[in-house]
Protein backbone atom coordinates (compact mmCIF):
# COMPACT_ATOMS: atom_id res chain seq x y z
CA MET A 1 20.55 48.76 14.12
CA THR A 2 18.09 45.78 14.18
CA THR A 3 19.27 42.37 12.27
CA SER A 4 17.50 40.51 9.09
CA SER A 5 16.34 37.93 11.64
CA ASP A 6 15.33 40.26 14.13
CA ASP A 7 13.08 41.90 11.62
CA LEU A 8 12.27 38.63 10.25
CA MET A 9 11.35 38.10 14.43
CA SER A 10 8.40 40.74 14.17
CA ILE A 11 7.05 39.67 10.59
CA LEU A 12 6.59 36.28 12.55
CA GLN A 13 4.87 38.32 15.55
CA LEU A 14 2.95 40.23 13.54
CA VAL A 15 1.56 37.04 11.91
CA GLU A 16 0.77 35.12 15.25
CA GLU A 17 -1.12 37.92 15.94
CA GLU A 18 -3.27 38.09 12.69
CA LYS A 19 -2.20 41.43 11.65
CA PHE A 20 -1.94 40.06 8.37
CA GLN A 21 -1.65 44.10 6.59
CA SER A 22 0.90 44.85 8.59
CA ALA A 23 2.72 41.34 7.67
CA VAL A 24 2.17 42.10 4.49
CA GLU A 25 4.15 45.60 3.84
CA LYS A 26 6.68 44.59 6.69
CA ILE A 27 7.75 41.73 4.10
CA GLY A 28 7.42 44.06 1.52
CA GLU A 29 10.17 46.03 3.37
CA TYR A 30 11.83 42.71 3.84
CA LEU A 31 12.34 41.42 0.71
CA ASP A 32 13.64 44.93 -1.09
CA VAL A 33 16.35 44.14 -3.22
CA GLU A 34 18.15 46.99 -2.40
CA HIS A 35 18.81 45.48 0.69
CA GLU A 36 22.97 44.75 0.32
CA ASP A 37 22.09 41.32 2.70
CA TYR A 38 19.56 40.71 0.41
CA ILE A 39 20.46 36.96 -0.70
CA ASN A 40 21.07 36.52 2.85
CA ARG A 41 17.44 37.76 4.41
CA LEU A 42 15.71 35.94 1.41
CA GLU A 43 18.19 32.44 3.11
CA ILE A 44 16.16 33.05 6.84
CA LEU A 45 13.02 33.61 5.23
CA ILE A 46 13.46 30.38 3.38
CA ASP A 47 13.00 28.15 6.59
CA LYS A 48 10.13 30.44 7.83
CA ILE A 49 7.87 30.39 4.55
CA SER A 50 5.82 27.34 5.22
CA HIS A 51 5.18 28.51 9.18
CA ILE A 52 4.02 31.38 7.54
CA THR A 53 1.31 29.98 5.02
CA LYS A 54 -0.39 27.76 7.80
CA LYS A 55 -0.75 30.37 10.21
CA GLY A 56 -1.18 33.76 7.88
CA ALA A 57 -2.31 32.52 4.06
CA VAL A 58 -3.77 35.82 2.65
CA VAL A 59 -0.22 37.28 3.91
CA ILE A 60 1.80 34.79 1.20
CA ARG A 61 -1.24 34.86 -1.13
CA THR A 62 -1.00 38.82 -1.06
CA LEU A 63 3.37 38.51 -1.69
CA ILE A 64 3.15 35.38 -4.03
CA PRO A 65 4.09 37.85 -7.37
CA LYS A 66 6.78 39.30 -4.81
CA LEU A 67 7.79 35.75 -3.99
CA LEU A 68 7.73 34.63 -7.98
CA LYS A 69 10.00 37.67 -9.03
CA ASN A 70 12.91 35.56 -6.76
CA LEU A 71 12.92 32.79 -9.02
CA SER A 72 15.68 34.49 -10.83
CA ILE A 73 18.52 34.07 -7.88
CA LYS A 74 21.91 33.26 -9.44
CA ASP A 75 23.63 30.72 -6.57
CA ASP A 76 22.11 27.91 -7.58
CA ILE A 77 22.19 26.10 -3.97
CA ILE A 78 19.70 28.89 -2.59
CA ARG A 79 17.83 29.32 -6.01
CA TYR A 80 16.46 25.33 -5.04
CA ALA A 81 15.97 25.61 -1.49
CA TYR A 82 13.89 28.68 -2.38
CA ILE A 83 11.45 26.67 -4.58
CA LEU A 84 11.97 23.88 -2.47
CA ALA A 85 10.10 26.38 0.44
CA LEU A 86 7.60 27.42 -2.01
CA LYS A 87 6.25 23.68 -2.67
CA PRO A 88 3.42 24.20 0.65
CA VAL A 89 2.92 28.31 -0.92
CA CYS A 90 1.81 25.95 -4.28
CA GLU A 91 -0.13 23.19 -2.15
CA ALA A 92 -1.80 25.60 -0.63
CA GLU A 93 -2.74 28.53 -3.38
CA TYR A 94 -2.06 26.90 -6.87
CA ASP A 95 -4.76 28.72 -7.72
CA THR A 96 -3.43 32.41 -7.21
CA ILE A 97 0.47 30.97 -8.72
CA LEU A 98 -0.70 29.34 -12.52
CA PRO A 99 -2.06 32.90 -13.26
CA PHE A 100 1.41 33.64 -13.67
CA SER A 101 2.59 30.44 -15.93
CA LYS A 102 3.00 32.41 -19.20
CA GLU A 103 4.58 35.08 -17.92
CA LEU A 104 7.08 33.35 -15.88
CA LEU A 105 7.72 30.31 -18.65
CA ASN A 106 8.20 32.44 -21.49
CA SER A 107 11.10 34.92 -19.42
CA GLU A 108 14.50 35.09 -21.56
CA ASP A 109 15.61 33.98 -17.78
CA SER A 110 16.05 29.96 -17.83
CA ASN A 111 16.30 30.28 -14.39
CA VAL A 112 13.22 31.53 -13.83
CA ARG A 113 11.38 29.23 -16.87
CA GLU A 114 12.73 26.10 -14.74
CA GLY A 115 11.51 27.20 -11.18
CA MET A 116 7.55 27.82 -12.93
CA LEU A 117 8.26 24.28 -14.41
CA GLN A 118 8.87 22.92 -10.80
CA LEU A 119 6.19 25.09 -8.90
CA ILE A 120 4.10 23.45 -11.95
CA SER A 121 5.18 20.20 -11.03
CA PHE A 122 4.24 20.94 -7.06
CA ILE A 123 0.73 22.03 -8.31
CA ALA A 124 0.13 18.70 -10.48
CA ASN A 125 1.03 16.13 -7.41
CA VAL A 126 -1.81 17.65 -5.54
CA GLN A 127 -4.20 19.38 -8.11
CA LYS A 128 -5.56 17.97 -11.55
CA ILE A 129 -4.04 20.83 -13.66
CA GLU A 130 -7.39 20.94 -16.50
CA ASP A 131 -6.06 24.71 -18.27
CA ASN A 132 -5.19 23.06 -21.63
CA ASN A 133 -3.48 27.04 -21.96
CA ILE A 134 -0.72 25.73 -19.28
CA ILE A 135 -0.12 22.30 -20.94
CA LYS A 136 0.21 24.28 -24.28
CA LEU A 137 2.51 26.19 -22.60
CA VAL A 138 4.93 23.18 -20.56
CA LEU A 139 4.73 21.42 -24.18
CA GLU A 140 6.45 24.74 -25.75
CA LYS A 141 9.53 24.42 -23.24
CA LEU A 142 10.36 21.18 -25.23
CA ASN A 143 11.59 23.52 -27.97
CA ASP A 144 13.34 24.99 -25.48
CA GLU A 145 16.74 26.13 -26.14
CA GLN A 146 18.41 24.99 -22.68
CA GLU A 147 18.47 21.33 -22.38
CA PHE A 148 17.93 21.70 -18.69
CA ILE A 149 14.39 23.32 -19.54
CA ARG A 150 13.45 20.49 -21.81
CA THR A 151 14.35 18.11 -19.49
CA LYS A 152 12.04 19.56 -16.58
CA ALA A 153 9.05 20.23 -19.51
CA ILE A 154 9.12 16.56 -19.87
CA GLN A 155 8.80 15.51 -16.24
CA THR A 156 6.37 17.96 -15.63
CA LEU A 157 3.88 17.05 -18.18
CA LYS A 158 4.36 13.13 -17.35
CA LEU A 159 2.79 14.99 -13.80
CA ILE A 160 0.25 16.47 -15.17
CA GLY A 161 -0.70 13.68 -17.69
CA LYS A 162 -1.15 11.24 -13.80
CA THR A 163 -4.28 12.88 -13.80
CA THR A 164 -5.48 14.13 -17.68
CA PRO A 165 -3.72 11.45 -19.15
CA ILE A 166 -6.58 11.78 -22.32
CA GLU A 167 -6.59 15.48 -22.42
CA THR A 168 -2.86 15.63 -21.91
CA LYS A 169 -2.44 12.90 -24.84
CA LYS A 170 -4.90 15.02 -26.90
CA ILE A 171 -2.96 18.33 -26.99
CA ILE A 172 0.31 16.41 -27.90
CA LEU A 173 -0.83 14.75 -30.48
CA GLU A 174 -2.45 18.09 -31.93
CA CYS A 175 0.92 19.87 -31.77
CA ILE A 176 3.22 17.48 -33.21
CA ALA A 177 1.24 17.29 -36.80
CA ASP A 178 3.80 19.27 -38.69
CA ALA A 179 6.69 19.33 -35.35
CA GLU A 180 10.33 18.48 -36.14
CA GLU A 181 11.63 15.07 -36.00
CA ASP A 182 13.71 16.00 -32.30
CA PHE A 183 9.99 17.41 -30.78
CA LYS A 184 8.44 14.43 -31.70
CA SER A 185 11.25 11.94 -29.68
CA GLN A 186 10.36 14.23 -26.64
CA CYS A 187 6.80 13.99 -27.28
CA ASP A 188 6.83 10.31 -27.42
CA ASP A 189 8.56 9.95 -24.24
CA VAL A 190 5.34 11.66 -22.44
CA LEU A 191 2.68 9.69 -24.67
CA LYS A 192 4.63 5.97 -23.66
CA SER A 193 4.20 7.49 -20.30
CA LEU A 194 1.07 8.52 -20.70
CA THR A 195 0.06 5.08 -22.41
CA SER A 196 0.50 3.45 -19.15
CA ILE A 197 -1.87 5.45 -16.85
CA LYS A 198 -4.43 5.11 -19.99
CA ASP A 199 -4.01 1.55 -19.42
CA LEU A 200 -5.21 1.84 -15.89
CA GLU A 201 -7.83 3.38 -16.59
CA GLU A 202 -9.12 1.11 -18.87
CA LYS A 203 -8.80 -1.69 -16.78
CA GLU A 204 -10.56 -0.19 -13.75
CA ILE A 205 -13.22 0.41 -16.42
CA GLU A 206 -13.17 -3.37 -17.01
CA LYS A 207 -13.64 -3.57 -13.73
CA LYS A 208 -16.71 -1.85 -13.03
CA GLU A 209 -17.86 -3.61 -16.53
CA LEU A 210 -17.63 -7.10 -14.26
CA GLU A 211 -19.20 -5.47 -11.16
CA VAL A 212 -22.13 -4.44 -13.22
CA LYS A 213 -22.09 -7.51 -15.13
CA GLU A 214 -22.53 -10.01 -12.34
CA GLU A 215 -25.50 -7.55 -10.91
CA GLU A 216 -27.31 -8.77 -13.38
CA LEU A 217 -26.81 -11.69 -13.08
CA ASP A 218 -27.96 -11.54 -9.52
CA GLN A 219 -31.11 -9.26 -10.43
CA ILE A 220 -31.84 -12.71 -12.48
CA GLU A 221 -31.51 -15.25 -10.19
CA ILE A 222 -34.14 -13.00 -8.07
CA GLU A 223 -36.24 -13.03 -10.99
CA ILE A 224 -35.96 -17.23 -11.40
CA LYS A 225 -36.57 -17.55 -7.93
CA LYS A 226 -40.04 -15.12 -7.66
CA GLU A 227 -41.00 -17.31 -11.35
CA GLU A 228 -40.34 -20.24 -9.05
CA LEU A 229 -42.82 -19.34 -6.15
CA GLU A 230 -45.03 -17.84 -8.46
CA TYR A 231 -45.07 -20.79 -10.72
CA LYS A 232 -45.51 -23.16 -7.32
CA GLU A 233 -48.19 -21.18 -6.10
CA LYS A 234 -50.00 -21.72 -9.49
CA GLU A 235 -49.07 -25.34 -9.31
CA LEU A 236 -51.40 -25.19 -6.24
CA VAL A 237 -54.06 -23.95 -7.07
CA GLU A 238 -54.74 -26.02 -10.00
CA LYS A 239 -54.26 -28.97 -8.09
CA LYS A 240 -57.05 -27.55 -5.76
CA LYS A 241 -58.78 -26.81 -8.59
CA GLU A 242 -58.36 -30.54 -9.81
CA LEU A 243 -59.02 -31.98 -6.85
CA LYS A 244 -62.27 -30.15 -6.69
CA GLU A 245 -63.49 -31.01 -10.05
CA LYS A 246 -62.65 -33.83 -10.29
CA ALA A 247 -60.55 -33.85 -13.18
CA LYS A 248 -60.39 -37.24 -15.49
CA GLY A 249 -56.87 -39.01 -14.78
CA GLU A 250 -55.54 -37.98 -18.77
CA GLU A 251 -55.72 -34.92 -17.84
CA LEU A 252 -54.44 -34.77 -14.33
CA GLU A 253 -51.79 -36.71 -16.29
CA GLN A 254 -51.10 -33.70 -19.12
CA LYS A 255 -50.78 -31.26 -16.63
CA GLU A 256 -48.48 -33.35 -15.08
CA LYS A 257 -46.48 -33.77 -18.05
CA GLU A 258 -46.09 -29.72 -18.31
CA LEU A 259 -45.49 -29.34 -14.90
CA ALA A 260 -42.05 -31.94 -15.58
CA GLU A 261 -41.69 -29.59 -18.68
CA LYS A 262 -41.59 -26.55 -16.82
CA GLU A 263 -39.28 -28.17 -13.96
CA LYS A 264 -37.14 -29.53 -16.49
CA HIS A 265 -36.94 -25.77 -18.15
CA LEU A 266 -36.39 -24.30 -15.01
CA LYS A 267 -33.34 -26.52 -14.11
CA GLU A 268 -31.84 -25.73 -17.41
CA LYS A 269 -31.75 -21.91 -16.15
CA GLU A 270 -30.39 -22.59 -13.34
CA LEU A 271 -27.68 -24.33 -14.70
CA GLU A 272 -27.11 -21.17 -17.00
CA LEU A 273 -26.79 -19.13 -13.73
CA LYS A 274 -24.52 -21.17 -12.16
CA GLU A 275 -22.17 -21.26 -15.19
CA LYS A 276 -22.21 -17.87 -15.87
CA LYS A 277 -21.38 -17.15 -12.01
CA LEU A 278 -18.12 -19.19 -12.91
CA GLU A 279 -17.38 -17.34 -16.00
CA VAL A 280 -17.70 -13.83 -13.61
CA LYS A 281 -15.46 -15.77 -10.71
CA GLU A 282 -12.77 -16.37 -14.17
CA GLU A 283 -13.12 -13.02 -14.69
CA GLU A 284 -12.27 -11.64 -10.74
CA GLU A 285 -9.65 -13.99 -10.61
CA LYS A 286 -7.94 -12.18 -13.52
CA LEU A 287 -8.79 -9.06 -12.60
CA GLU A 288 -6.81 -9.61 -8.91
CA GLU A 289 -3.84 -10.96 -11.11
CA LYS A 290 -4.15 -7.90 -13.26
CA LYS A 291 -4.47 -5.46 -10.03
CA ILE A 292 -1.05 -6.75 -8.28
CA LYS A 293 0.34 -5.98 -11.50
CA VAL A 294 -0.39 -2.68 -11.25
CA LYS A 295 0.38 -2.49 -8.13
CA GLU A 296 3.95 -4.36 -8.03
CA LYS A 297 4.51 -0.82 -10.64
CA LEU A 298 3.09 1.61 -8.44
CA LEU A 299 5.43 0.24 -5.76
CA GLU A 300 8.38 0.81 -7.72
CA LYS A 301 7.28 4.14 -8.61
CA GLU A 302 7.24 5.21 -5.34
CA LYS A 303 10.72 3.41 -4.47
CA GLU A 304 12.10 6.79 -7.30
CA LEU A 305 9.73 9.19 -5.57
CA VAL A 306 11.47 7.93 -1.87
CA GLU A 307 15.23 7.84 -3.74
CA LYS A 308 14.09 11.69 -5.48
CA GLU A 309 13.23 12.81 -2.09
CA LYS A 310 16.50 11.61 -0.28
CA GLU A 311 18.16 13.92 -2.93
CA ILE A 312 16.20 16.59 -2.19
CA THR A 313 16.77 16.03 1.45
CA LYS A 314 20.51 16.37 1.13
CA ALA A 315 20.52 18.90 -1.09
CA GLU A 316 19.05 20.89 1.73
CA LEU A 317 21.58 20.04 4.42
CA ASP A 318 23.71 20.34 1.82
CA LEU A 319 22.24 24.78 1.68
CA LYS A 320 22.56 24.34 5.59
CA GLU A 321 26.03 22.71 5.96
CA LYS A 322 27.38 25.68 3.26
CA VAL A 323 25.27 28.23 5.25
CA LEU A 324 27.29 27.38 8.95
CA LYS A 325 30.56 26.68 7.06
CA GLU A 326 30.59 30.49 5.81
CA LYS A 327 28.96 32.25 9.66
CA GLU A 328 32.04 30.03 11.24
CA ASN A 329 34.30 31.46 8.48
CA GLU A 330 33.07 35.31 9.07
CA VAL A 331 33.56 34.63 13.06
CA LYS A 332 37.15 33.53 12.70
CA GLU A 333 37.78 36.42 10.34
CA LYS A 334 36.39 38.80 12.19
CA GLU A 335 38.39 37.20 15.63
CA MET A 336 41.60 37.62 13.48
CA GLN A 337 40.84 40.95 12.40
CA ARG A 338 40.48 42.29 16.22
CA GLU A 339 43.50 40.09 17.13
CA GLU A 340 45.56 42.11 14.62
CA ASP A 341 43.83 45.56 15.69
CA GLN A 342 44.77 44.51 19.25
CA GLN A 343 48.62 43.51 17.85
CA ASN A 344 48.92 46.81 16.07
CA LYS A 345 47.47 48.64 19.47
């Protein structure tokens, strides 16, 4: 009789051989909830989901409905480990998972609702979520009866808002018009995070506007130089004509005055241009200071993410330690039973 590990090894072999249809059928049998060791089978599969996703994307894509049904696992440690294992699936197959949002976010099982919110968070980290219906579904969870669901919904909205702050903010503002104060308070927490993201966008726009102005000043400088060259060419032509025509001294003096006025005008333009360049440089320095402040904020957020990753890694290690202890206890019990049977004999 084959064990769970043997069954999984045969599935992995089918994936390696690109026998995807057979692999799909085999995993379907492997995840049959009627198996007595179903949870054990699921724990063994957790470590291999990422590998199957990379080697057999079509297999995972076909099995996503079956995989999502396991969000209702009662054991918290196994469930969180399973959700974490689905992260690469979410990143690679987000367009297949998102259509299940409405069904799972409205599930009667709070574990399923929380699990789907986490999967949407994984997707929001790598992909813009522009479907307003999905954003509204997540927003509705701020009214969930379970506090941990409300907290997870706030975290998910903030992640979505990082890439679509304006759209997310617009939807939230539309929904809080006649809402209760508690709901408004939670929405306010999300809106504050979106406002900071929007400020970054506005600063980026301001930077681009300054770059455009600088290009315009460069163009003005080029045009002035062209005018100077044209003027000098005309001046030479005029002088040649004056020499050829043997113009009178008074006429020459008059023209010299005109030339002096033009030269003065050109010098004034040059001074204006220099002043504009200095203004642009000052704006650039201010913008650089703003960029440094933004980078500092981003570094702080990155540190927070690293801490969260450490917490997740610790949860994974705790899970593996639990599995090893359970297997060790099982071996000890079997050994004690064997010794007892020998003593009885």
